[in-house]
Amino acid sequence: MLTKHGKDFIKLLENIKPSKNRYEIFNDWLVMASAALYSWKKDDAVENEYLEIVKQYKPEEVDQLSQLLSLTVEALEDQEQDFLGEVFTFAELSNTRNSQFFTPYHISYLMAEMAIGEKELPKNRVCKINDPCCGAGGMLIAGAMVMKKMGFSFQQDALFIGQDIDPRCARMTFIQLSLLGVPAVIICGNTITLEMYWQRETIGYYMAGMGFRLRAEELIERVKNLEQAEPEPEQIPIEIMIPRGELVQGELF
């Protein structure tokens, strides 16, 4: 069932710009909102993309677009779940022709509980969770919430990686994980062919010092591998003896 925040979001979306349909407006909003949340990291390509979109709207329309982000913040504060995935589904913004359907959040949460709910999570190292077809980030959000329920600090000791070929999905995941303070790397690309179109890190990734921690862990693993490697057997020199009687004249021996 669509929440009040979701209903308000869709109602506002439909009345921002009469010359554009809600599909176009939602796509534009995703570009602008994700760019705003990525402004902590200087990226000219992201900034130029934002400027190309914003000049298509009047000042009062830009203000309404910013209200959509405010509604998203309020919705996630009220309930930490897949809010944008819910809006995407109920507003019929998904590509049903290509069978694009999102898993309901309560199912995602159940799956997260089954996958990690009873496991002992790693201590003194980063716990990594990867969703190669992340949609709006519902499964990753569910994983973070299960960790939170277990008393595990997902904002400090976990890294979430989301990948999706649809840039709208990648941006929805980036927006929601950024607002929830989740350390994450979001990749827009083809998981099967390994093509990557763009990659962005959330502010939570930076705040947790995740880049440094991952490099440190990699270095520690390399040292451990060197210590555990079996030493090469000692090479014993072989002495070749040539009988003197077999030497011929002219040989330098």
Foldseek 3Di string as FASTA:
>chain_A
DADPLLVVLLVLLCPLDVVDHSLVSLVLLLLQLLLVQQVVDDDVVSVVSNVVSVVVHDPVSVVSSVVSLVSVLVVCVVPPALNVLSSCVVSVNDDVVVPDHDDPLVVLLVVLCVVPVPDDADPPAAAEEEDQAQFLNGNVSSNCVSCVVVVHDQLARYEYEYEHQDVSSLSSNQSSCLSVNGFYKGFHDDPVVPDTDDIGTHVSVVVNVVVVRVVVVVVVVVVVVVVPDDDDDDDDDDDDDDDPVVDDPPDDD
